[in-house]
Amino acid sequence: MLPFRSRADIKVKEKIASVIIKVNSDRLRQKDELKFTPDEARFGLLFDATSSTPASGGKFTNTSWDF
């Protein structure tokens, strides 16, 4: 048996925002996935992050989606 030693430094940055995402008014929480039927998605899926709030002193200047 050989002695083994390991160390990892973890840096935690300050919180910059609370991101709240809704898809067709269903809020994503701790869910891994949201499911929609073809009938629900036929007219499109609306992704909405307008309920998100930046940390104090910050502001959102742009929201974009890349799928």
Protein backbone atom coordinates (compact mmCIF):
# COMPACT_ATOMS: atom_id res chain seq x y z
CA MET A 1 0.00 0.00 0.00
CA LEU A 2 1.35 3.37 -1.02
CA PRO A 3 0.36 6.53 0.81
CA PHE A 4 -1.82 8.80 -1.36
CA ARG A 5 -2.81 12.35 -0.73
CA SER A 6 -4.88 14.66 -2.90
CA ARG A 7 -6.20 18.17 -2.57
CA ALA A 8 -8.55 20.25 -4.67
CA ASP A 9 -9.32 23.91 -4.22
CA ILE A 10 -12.91 24.87 -5.01
CA LYS A 11 -13.67 28.50 -5.66
CA VAL A 12 -17.29 29.57 -5.23
CA LYS A 13 -18.22 32.78 -6.95
CA GLU A 14 -20.93 35.06 -5.70
CA LYS A 15 -24.46 34.54 -6.93
CA ILE A 16 -25.19 36.78 -9.89
CA ALA A 17 -28.84 35.95 -10.59
CA SER A 18 -31.84 33.79 -9.81
CA VAL A 19 -32.81 32.26 -13.13
CA ILE A 20 -36.41 31.18 -13.50
CA ILE A 21 -37.35 29.51 -16.76
CA LYS A 22 -40.87 28.70 -17.88
CA VAL A 23 -41.88 26.73 -20.96
CA ASN A 24 -45.49 27.29 -21.96
CA SER A 25 -46.11 28.57 -18.41
CA ASP A 26 -44.69 25.38 -16.79
CA ARG A 27 -41.87 26.38 -14.47
CA LEU A 28 -38.65 24.40 -14.59
CA ARG A 29 -37.64 23.64 -11.04
CA GLN A 30 -35.56 20.66 -10.05
CA LYS A 31 -37.03 18.68 -12.92
CA ASP A 32 -34.73 16.98 -15.37
CA GLU A 33 -37.20 17.37 -18.19
CA LEU A 34 -40.56 18.74 -19.21
CA LYS A 35 -42.73 16.81 -21.62
CA PHE A 36 -45.28 18.20 -24.05
CA THR A 37 -47.67 16.37 -26.31
CA PRO A 38 -47.62 17.02 -30.06
CA ASP A 39 -50.94 18.87 -29.66
CA GLU A 40 -49.41 21.17 -27.04
CA ALA A 41 -46.30 21.82 -29.13
CA ARG A 42 -48.15 22.23 -32.43
CA PHE A 43 -48.46 25.98 -31.92
CA GLY A 44 -44.89 26.30 -30.62
CA LEU A 45 -43.17 26.32 -27.26
CA LEU A 46 -42.75 29.64 -25.48
CA PHE A 47 -39.54 29.90 -23.42
CA ASP A 48 -39.82 32.67 -20.84
CA ALA A 49 -37.15 33.90 -18.43
CA THR A 50 -38.80 37.22 -17.51
CA SER A 51 -39.32 36.13 -13.88
CA SER A 52 -35.55 35.86 -13.39
CA THR A 53 -33.94 38.44 -11.12
CA PRO A 54 -30.35 39.68 -11.17
CA ALA A 55 -28.37 40.15 -7.97
CA SER A 56 -28.43 43.63 -6.47
CA GLY A 57 -26.74 46.18 -8.66
CA GLY A 58 -27.05 44.01 -11.76
CA LYS A 59 -29.39 44.02 -14.71
CA PHE A 60 -30.18 41.80 -17.66
CA THR A 61 -29.36 43.35 -20.99
CA ASN A 62 -30.09 40.41 -23.27
CA THR A 63 -31.68 36.98 -23.23
CA SER A 64 -31.07 34.48 -26.00
CA TRP A 65 -31.70 30.79 -26.59
CA ASP A 66 -29.45 28.47 -28.59
CA PHE A 67 -30.86 25.02 -29.28
